[in-house]
Amino acid sequence: MIQLSLYTTMGCHLCTQLEALVAALANQKVWLHHIEISEDDALVERYGVRIPVLMDSNGNELDRGFELERLSDWLRERGWLDEVALAGFVAPPDTTEPVGAYERDGRRFLG
């Protein structure tokens, strides 16, 4: 199990996005220890403009982990990246037409 600390604050939508990405890209279960920075002036000073910040058990930090490339590189360096899951994020979308689809009066319908 991967154990990480997440420096966050209440209502941080980027933190929520990062949590979802970590869970989706990790090659094993992830346990996140949430550290609320707003309750500690020193933490606000250190992380206030940098959250969300992930920290591994060795104290290595990742700023802006909600950026897919940064997060995937950070996880890969530690041997925690699920390459197949990453490929699903970066693969081009399937653009094949659905079977039975047709267009009438400028509107598209599925058959």
Protein backbone atom coordinates (compact mmCIF):
# COMPACT_ATOMS: atom_id res chain seq x y z
CA MET A 1 0.00 0.00 0.00
CA ILE A 2 1.23 3.46 -0.92
CA GLN A 3 1.09 5.90 1.99
CA LEU A 4 1.19 9.59 1.15
CA SER A 5 0.49 12.86 2.89
CA LEU A 6 -1.67 15.45 1.15
CA TYR A 7 -1.35 19.06 2.21
CA THR A 8 -4.76 20.54 1.57
CA THR A 9 -7.46 22.87 2.80
CA MET A 10 -11.22 22.62 2.91
CA GLY A 11 -12.92 23.24 -0.42
CA CYS A 12 -9.78 22.76 -2.52
CA HIS A 13 -11.10 21.49 -5.87
CA LEU A 14 -7.57 20.87 -7.15
CA CYS A 15 -6.96 18.63 -4.13
CA THR A 16 -10.05 16.60 -5.00
CA GLN A 17 -8.84 16.32 -8.59
CA LEU A 18 -5.40 15.17 -7.40
CA GLU A 19 -6.91 12.52 -5.11
CA ALA A 20 -8.90 11.06 -8.01
CA LEU A 21 -5.85 11.03 -10.30
CA VAL A 22 -3.64 9.35 -7.71
CA ALA A 23 -6.24 6.64 -7.12
CA ALA A 24 -6.65 6.08 -10.87
CA LEU A 25 -2.94 6.04 -11.76
CA ALA A 26 -1.40 4.15 -8.85
CA ASN A 27 -0.55 0.50 -9.36
CA GLN A 28 -1.67 -0.36 -5.81
CA LYS A 29 -4.04 0.92 -3.15
CA VAL A 30 -3.29 4.45 -1.89
CA TRP A 31 -3.79 5.74 1.63
CA LEU A 32 -3.77 9.53 1.91
CA HIS A 33 -3.12 11.31 5.19
CA HIS A 34 -4.86 14.68 4.81
CA ILE A 35 -3.07 17.57 6.49
CA GLU A 36 -5.22 20.68 6.84
CA ILE A 37 -2.93 23.66 6.44
CA SER A 38 -5.38 26.38 7.52
CA GLU A 39 -5.05 25.39 11.17
CA ASP A 40 -1.29 26.07 11.33
CA ASP A 41 0.31 29.40 10.38
CA ALA A 42 3.62 27.73 9.52
CA LEU A 43 1.87 25.33 7.13
CA VAL A 44 -0.07 28.18 5.53
CA GLU A 45 3.22 30.03 5.03
CA ARG A 46 4.92 26.98 3.52
CA TYR A 47 2.07 25.48 1.44
CA GLY A 48 -0.55 28.23 1.08
CA VAL A 49 0.07 28.95 -2.60
CA ARG A 50 1.37 25.47 -3.45
CA ILE A 51 -1.51 23.15 -2.50
CA PRO A 52 -2.25 20.48 -3.27
CA VAL A 53 1.12 19.05 -2.28
CA LEU A 54 1.78 15.31 -2.08
CA MET A 55 4.56 14.01 0.14
CA ASP A 56 5.94 10.48 0.17
CA SER A 57 7.34 8.71 3.25
CA ASN A 58 10.86 10.02 2.46
CA GLY A 59 9.69 13.64 2.56
CA ASN A 60 9.80 14.16 -1.21
CA GLU A 61 7.13 16.64 -2.26
CA LEU A 62 5.15 17.11 -5.45
CA ASP A 63 3.56 20.50 -6.18
CA ARG A 64 0.84 20.80 -8.84
CA GLY A 65 0.30 17.03 -8.88
CA PHE A 66 -3.07 17.60 -10.55
CA GLU A 67 -1.06 18.06 -13.77
CA LEU A 68 -1.09 14.59 -15.34
CA GLU A 69 2.48 14.64 -16.64
CA ARG A 70 3.96 15.81 -13.33
CA LEU A 71 2.01 13.27 -11.31
CA SER A 72 2.72 10.35 -13.63
CA ASP A 73 6.47 11.16 -13.64
CA TRP A 74 6.49 11.38 -9.83
CA LEU A 75 4.67 8.06 -9.45
CA ARG A 76 6.87 6.40 -12.09
CA GLU A 77 10.06 7.47 -10.25
CA ARG A 78 8.81 5.57 -7.21
CA GLY A 79 7.61 2.49 -9.11
CA TRP A 80 3.96 3.27 -8.34
CA LEU A 81 2.61 4.16 -11.79
CA ASP A 82 0.10 1.94 -13.57
CA GLU A 83 1.24 2.49 -17.17
CA VAL A 84 -1.94 0.93 -18.60
CA ALA A 85 -4.09 3.36 -16.62
CA LEU A 86 -1.94 6.27 -17.82
CA ALA A 87 -2.34 5.13 -21.42
CA GLY A 88 -6.11 5.34 -20.94
CA PHE A 89 -5.76 9.01 -19.99
CA VAL A 90 -3.51 10.00 -22.87
CA ALA A 91 -4.95 7.83 -25.66
CA PRO A 92 -6.84 9.72 -28.35
CA PRO A 93 -10.62 9.43 -28.04
CA ASP A 94 -12.47 6.82 -30.08
CA THR A 95 -13.95 8.70 -33.02
CA THR A 96 -15.63 5.80 -34.81
CA GLU A 97 -19.25 6.45 -35.63
CA PRO A 98 -21.79 4.50 -33.57
CA VAL A 99 -23.61 1.79 -35.52
CA GLY A 100 -26.98 3.02 -36.70
CA ALA A 101 -26.23 6.72 -36.22
CA TYR A 102 -27.87 9.11 -38.64
CA GLU A 103 -28.37 12.83 -39.11
CA ARG A 104 -31.65 14.62 -39.87
CA ASP A 105 -32.23 18.37 -40.02
CA GLY A 106 -28.76 19.02 -38.60
CA ARG A 107 -29.36 16.83 -35.51
CA ARG A 108 -27.56 13.57 -34.86
CA PHE A 109 -29.48 10.49 -33.72
CA LEU A 110 -28.45 7.02 -32.65
CA GLY A 111 -30.38 4.23 -34.35
